[in-house]
Amino acid sequence: MTPIERLVAIEDIEQLKAKYWYALDYQNWDMWRDEVWTPDAELHVDAELKFRVGPRDAMIETVKEQFRDQVSVHHGHTPIIEITSPTTATGIWAMEDRLYRGKSHVQGPGFVLGFGHYHETYVKLDIGWRIRTSRLTRLRASTLSTF
């Protein structure tokens, strides 16, 4: 890859992750499925829920259930992206999220403020870069039973 191709790939992956958070926070599951993930994608959450799920459609159904009666606000920062080939890459993203859970949420009402990292792998398909694997680890999560 030329330096310009490498920079374009990094920018494309940054835009991909922006779509990830936008679609997740707005619960736009069609966008999350069609514009973010590979069909064989896996999501692994080491945080309070502790789950590993894939492929993509099963993962989306699991996340949809966790997001019922919840408003989320995600922020991602300072990615470390390594282009490992013209069609593969890895990334680590610092993150912060706020989860506002209503009375009918599967875990009950409350508020979570979390900090941690996403560790990801990416694949460039004919339709562009997509997330193949994503693992969320937490450095800290504070939970209140009400908000």
Protein backbone atom coordinates (compact mmCIF):
# COMPACT_ATOMS: atom_id res chain seq x y z
CA MET A 1 0.00 0.00 0.00
CA THR A 2 1.12 3.51 -0.67
CA PRO A 3 1.10 5.99 2.22
CA ILE A 4 -1.97 7.67 0.69
CA GLU A 5 -3.83 4.34 0.39
CA ARG A 6 -2.97 3.60 4.02
CA LEU A 7 -4.31 6.99 5.16
CA VAL A 8 -7.50 6.52 3.13
CA ALA A 9 -8.01 3.09 4.71
CA ILE A 10 -7.56 4.55 8.21
CA GLU A 11 -10.06 7.32 7.45
CA ASP A 12 -12.53 4.78 6.07
CA ILE A 13 -12.24 2.72 9.27
CA GLU A 14 -12.72 5.83 11.41
CA GLN A 15 -15.90 6.63 9.45
CA LEU A 16 -17.01 3.02 9.89
CA LYS A 17 -16.66 3.28 13.67
CA ALA A 18 -18.56 6.57 13.66
CA LYS A 19 -21.41 4.76 11.86
CA TYR A 20 -21.21 2.01 14.50
CA TRP A 21 -21.87 4.44 17.36
CA TYR A 22 -24.42 6.52 15.47
CA ALA A 23 -26.49 3.50 14.45
CA LEU A 24 -26.20 1.95 17.93
CA ASP A 25 -27.27 5.10 19.79
CA TYR A 26 -30.19 5.70 17.41
CA GLN A 27 -31.02 1.98 17.41
CA ASN A 28 -30.93 1.96 13.63
CA TRP A 29 -30.49 -1.81 13.37
CA ASP A 30 -30.69 -1.89 9.56
CA MET A 31 -27.79 0.56 9.28
CA TRP A 32 -25.88 -1.30 12.00
CA ARG A 33 -26.31 -4.59 10.12
CA ASP A 34 -25.81 -3.38 6.54
CA GLU A 35 -23.12 -0.70 6.92
CA VAL A 36 -21.04 -1.81 9.91
CA TRP A 37 -20.62 -5.60 10.29
CA THR A 38 -19.43 -8.53 8.20
CA PRO A 39 -21.98 -11.37 7.92
CA ASP A 40 -19.78 -13.59 10.13
CA ALA A 41 -19.10 -10.86 12.72
CA GLU A 42 -18.67 -11.54 16.45
CA LEU A 43 -19.22 -9.22 19.40
CA HIS A 44 -17.58 -10.03 22.73
CA VAL A 45 -18.46 -7.94 25.78
CA ASP A 46 -16.24 -8.43 28.85
CA ALA A 47 -18.22 -5.81 30.76
CA GLU A 48 -21.20 -6.27 33.08
CA LEU A 49 -23.19 -8.37 30.59
CA LYS A 50 -20.36 -10.76 29.73
CA PHE A 51 -21.44 -12.27 26.44
CA ARG A 52 -19.98 -13.41 23.14
CA VAL A 53 -22.31 -13.65 20.18
CA GLY A 54 -22.23 -14.06 16.43
CA PRO A 55 -22.81 -14.21 13.56
CA ARG A 56 -24.12 -10.76 12.71
CA ASP A 57 -27.89 -11.37 12.72
CA ALA A 58 -27.85 -13.26 16.04
CA MET A 59 -25.61 -10.55 17.49
CA ILE A 60 -27.98 -7.79 16.43
CA GLU A 61 -30.96 -9.58 17.99
CA THR A 62 -29.03 -9.94 21.28
CA VAL A 63 -28.05 -6.27 21.32
CA LYS A 64 -31.59 -5.16 20.36
CA GLU A 65 -32.92 -7.01 23.41
CA GLN A 66 -30.34 -5.30 25.67
CA PHE A 67 -31.24 -1.88 24.22
CA ARG A 68 -35.01 -2.08 24.71
CA ASP A 69 -36.10 0.81 26.95
CA GLN A 70 -32.58 2.23 26.99
CA VAL A 71 -31.02 5.41 25.67
CA SER A 72 -27.29 5.20 25.04
CA VAL A 73 -24.65 7.84 24.35
CA HIS A 74 -21.32 6.50 23.08
CA HIS A 75 -18.08 8.39 22.49
CA GLY A 76 -14.95 6.97 20.90
CA HIS A 77 -11.51 8.52 21.07
CA THR A 78 -7.91 8.26 19.93
CA PRO A 79 -7.91 5.11 17.81
CA ILE A 80 -4.80 3.04 17.25
CA ILE A 81 -5.37 1.58 13.78
CA GLU A 82 -2.93 -0.79 12.12
CA ILE A 83 -3.41 -1.68 8.46
CA THR A 84 -2.18 -5.29 8.33
CA SER A 85 -2.84 -5.84 4.60
CA PRO A 86 -4.75 -4.06 1.84
CA THR A 87 -7.93 -5.82 3.07
CA THR A 88 -7.40 -6.30 6.84
CA ALA A 89 -6.75 -4.08 9.82
CA THR A 90 -6.89 -3.97 13.62
CA GLY A 91 -7.96 -1.16 15.90
CA ILE A 92 -8.15 -0.16 19.54
CA TRP A 93 -10.54 2.64 20.52
CA ALA A 94 -10.82 4.37 23.88
CA MET A 95 -14.50 4.72 24.72
CA GLU A 96 -17.00 6.23 27.12
CA ASP A 97 -20.65 5.34 27.28
CA ARG A 98 -23.71 6.43 29.22
CA LEU A 99 -26.66 4.05 29.39
CA TYR A 100 -30.00 5.35 30.63
CA ARG A 101 -32.25 2.37 31.40
CA GLY A 102 -36.00 2.68 31.83
CA LYS A 103 -38.30 0.75 34.14
CA SER A 104 -38.93 -2.05 31.66
CA HIS A 105 -35.26 -2.59 30.76
CA VAL A 106 -34.15 -6.23 31.00
CA GLN A 107 -31.76 -5.28 33.85
CA GLY A 108 -34.18 -2.87 35.50
CA PRO A 109 -34.01 0.91 35.66
CA GLY A 110 -30.76 2.74 36.20
CA PHE A 111 -27.79 4.57 34.79
CA VAL A 112 -24.38 3.22 33.76
CA LEU A 113 -21.31 5.37 33.09
CA GLY A 114 -18.56 3.28 31.53
CA PHE A 115 -15.00 3.72 30.33
CA GLY A 116 -12.91 1.21 28.43
CA HIS A 117 -11.69 0.08 25.04
CA TYR A 118 -12.90 -1.63 21.91
CA HIS A 119 -10.42 -4.12 20.39
CA GLU A 120 -11.40 -4.81 16.80
CA THR A 121 -10.54 -6.48 13.53
CA TYR A 122 -11.66 -5.12 10.18
CA VAL A 123 -12.04 -6.61 6.71
CA LYS A 124 -12.37 -4.73 3.44
CA LEU A 125 -15.18 -6.25 1.39
CA ASP A 126 -16.37 -5.25 -2.08
CA ILE A 127 -18.79 -2.84 -0.33
CA GLY A 128 -16.09 -1.28 1.88
CA TRP A 129 -14.57 -1.79 5.32
CA ARG A 130 -16.60 -3.72 7.90
CA ILE A 131 -16.03 -4.83 11.49
CA ARG A 132 -15.28 -8.57 11.73
CA THR A 133 -14.72 -8.82 15.51
CA SER A 134 -15.26 -6.38 18.35
CA ARG A 135 -14.38 -6.94 22.01
CA LEU A 136 -15.40 -4.36 24.61
CA THR A 137 -13.34 -4.25 27.80
CA ARG A 138 -14.09 -1.95 30.72
CA LEU A 139 -11.63 -0.04 32.86
CA ARG A 140 -14.45 1.24 35.02
CA ALA A 141 -18.24 1.20 35.10
CA SER A 142 -20.34 3.04 37.66
CA THR A 143 -23.97 2.04 38.05
CA LEU A 144 -26.80 3.89 39.77
CA SER A 145 -30.15 2.24 40.36
CA THR A 146 -31.96 5.45 39.37
CA PHE A 147 -31.18 8.52 37.31
